[in-house]
Amino acid sequence: MRIEQSSGRSLLLLCLLSGHSRQAYYKQRSQAEKEPLQEDLIVQQVLKHRRLQPRIGGRKLYFLIKGFMVNRGIKMGMDAFFKLLGKYELLHNAADIEYAQPILTIG
């Protein structure tokens, strides 16, 4: 019981010194626990779509996955989605895509 009381006081002191409320502390802590799980769900969906269409772009992926994210209560804008794709190296660069070369016939 004393450990809980002393840690509660130290948390209060920490919050006072940092200028944040205990509510903000617990909210941030809760968000930090949810974020990796949400990222994993989104990456799994991206890989699922990329198996079917390997050259699909980021914008189209975002709009395909947007419904999935809304159903699960995941709020993520397009910029954050692109950062996530970059973090897991799932972005396609124009230089990475090989285009068919035209066949020149002289005759």
Protein backbone atom coordinates (compact mmCIF):
# COMPACT_ATOMS: atom_id res chain seq x y z
CA MET A 1 0.00 0.00 0.00
CA ARG A 2 2.81 2.43 0.83
CA ILE A 3 4.50 1.78 -2.51
CA GLU A 4 1.32 2.72 -4.40
CA GLN A 5 0.90 5.83 -2.27
CA SER A 6 4.48 6.92 -2.69
CA SER A 7 4.41 6.29 -6.45
CA GLY A 8 1.16 8.26 -6.65
CA ARG A 9 2.81 11.18 -4.93
CA SER A 10 5.86 11.00 -7.15
CA LEU A 11 3.61 10.92 -10.21
CA LEU A 12 1.80 13.98 -8.94
CA LEU A 13 5.11 15.71 -8.30
CA LEU A 14 6.37 14.72 -11.75
CA CYS A 15 3.22 16.07 -13.36
CA LEU A 16 3.47 19.33 -11.43
CA LEU A 17 7.10 19.79 -12.43
CA SER A 18 6.46 19.04 -16.09
CA GLY A 19 3.34 21.18 -16.29
CA HIS A 20 1.06 18.32 -17.38
CA SER A 21 -1.94 16.81 -15.67
CA ARG A 22 -2.16 13.19 -14.51
CA GLN A 23 -4.96 12.74 -17.05
CA ALA A 24 -2.60 13.79 -19.85
CA TYR A 25 0.05 11.41 -18.54
CA TYR A 26 -2.30 8.42 -18.57
CA LYS A 27 -3.75 9.39 -21.96
CA GLN A 28 -0.27 9.51 -23.48
CA ARG A 29 0.60 6.19 -21.86
CA SER A 30 -2.56 4.58 -23.24
CA GLN A 31 -1.84 5.97 -26.72
CA ALA A 32 1.71 4.64 -26.60
CA GLU A 33 0.35 1.15 -25.95
CA LYS A 34 -2.22 1.31 -28.78
CA GLU A 35 -0.02 2.80 -31.50
CA PRO A 36 2.18 -0.24 -32.29
CA LEU A 37 -0.89 -2.47 -32.51
CA GLN A 38 -2.60 -0.06 -34.89
CA GLU A 39 0.52 0.21 -37.03
CA ASP A 40 0.75 -3.57 -37.23
CA LEU A 41 -2.88 -3.85 -38.37
CA ILE A 42 -2.34 -1.25 -41.08
CA VAL A 43 0.90 -2.84 -42.31
CA GLN A 44 -0.83 -6.21 -42.53
CA GLN A 45 -3.57 -4.66 -44.68
CA VAL A 46 -1.00 -2.98 -46.93
CA LEU A 47 0.83 -6.28 -47.43
CA LYS A 48 -2.47 -8.03 -48.18
CA HIS A 49 -3.29 -5.50 -50.91
CA ARG A 50 0.26 -5.54 -52.26
CA ARG A 51 0.13 -9.33 -52.66
CA LEU A 52 -2.76 -8.87 -55.07
CA GLN A 53 -1.43 -5.71 -56.74
CA PRO A 54 2.32 -5.32 -56.16
CA ARG A 55 2.64 -1.95 -57.93
CA ILE A 56 -0.32 -0.23 -56.25
CA GLY A 57 0.53 3.27 -55.07
CA GLY A 58 0.29 4.85 -51.65
CA ARG A 59 -2.74 7.05 -52.33
CA LYS A 60 -4.82 4.21 -53.68
CA LEU A 61 -3.75 2.04 -50.74
CA TYR A 62 -4.82 4.77 -48.35
CA PHE A 63 -8.29 4.98 -49.88
CA LEU A 64 -8.64 1.18 -49.95
CA ILE A 65 -7.62 0.85 -46.30
CA LYS A 66 -9.49 3.95 -45.04
CA GLY A 67 -12.71 1.97 -44.45
CA PHE A 68 -10.78 -0.65 -42.49
CA MET A 69 -9.25 2.06 -40.30
CA VAL A 70 -12.61 3.75 -39.66
CA ASN A 71 -14.21 0.44 -38.64
CA ARG A 72 -11.46 -0.13 -36.07
CA GLY A 73 -11.39 3.43 -34.77
CA ILE A 74 -7.92 4.20 -36.13
CA LYS A 75 -7.51 7.87 -36.97
CA MET A 76 -4.70 8.42 -39.43
CA GLY A 77 -4.35 11.00 -42.14
CA MET A 78 -2.63 10.52 -45.46
CA ASP A 79 0.61 12.17 -44.31
CA ALA A 80 0.88 9.86 -41.29
CA PHE A 81 0.02 6.91 -43.54
CA PHE A 82 2.88 7.79 -45.88
CA LYS A 83 5.25 8.16 -42.92
CA LEU A 84 4.19 4.70 -41.77
CA LEU A 85 4.82 3.25 -45.24
CA GLY A 86 8.25 4.88 -45.24
CA LYS A 87 9.03 3.57 -41.77
CA TYR A 88 8.40 0.00 -42.92
CA GLU A 89 9.97 0.58 -46.37
CA LEU A 90 6.71 -0.01 -48.21
CA LEU A 91 6.87 3.05 -50.45
CA HIS A 92 7.51 2.62 -54.16
CA ASN A 93 9.92 5.00 -55.82
CA ALA A 94 9.56 5.90 -59.48
CA ALA A 95 13.17 4.73 -59.98
CA ASP A 96 12.28 1.27 -58.60
CA ILE A 97 9.63 0.63 -61.22
CA GLU A 98 10.88 -0.87 -64.45
CA TYR A 99 8.92 0.15 -67.51
CA ALA A 100 8.84 -1.76 -70.77
CA GLN A 101 11.18 -0.25 -73.32
CA PRO A 102 9.71 0.54 -76.72
CA ILE A 103 10.90 -1.63 -79.58
CA LEU A 104 12.35 0.42 -82.40
CA THR A 105 12.08 -0.97 -85.88
CA ILE A 106 13.94 0.59 -88.73
CA GLY A 107 12.85 -0.39 -92.08
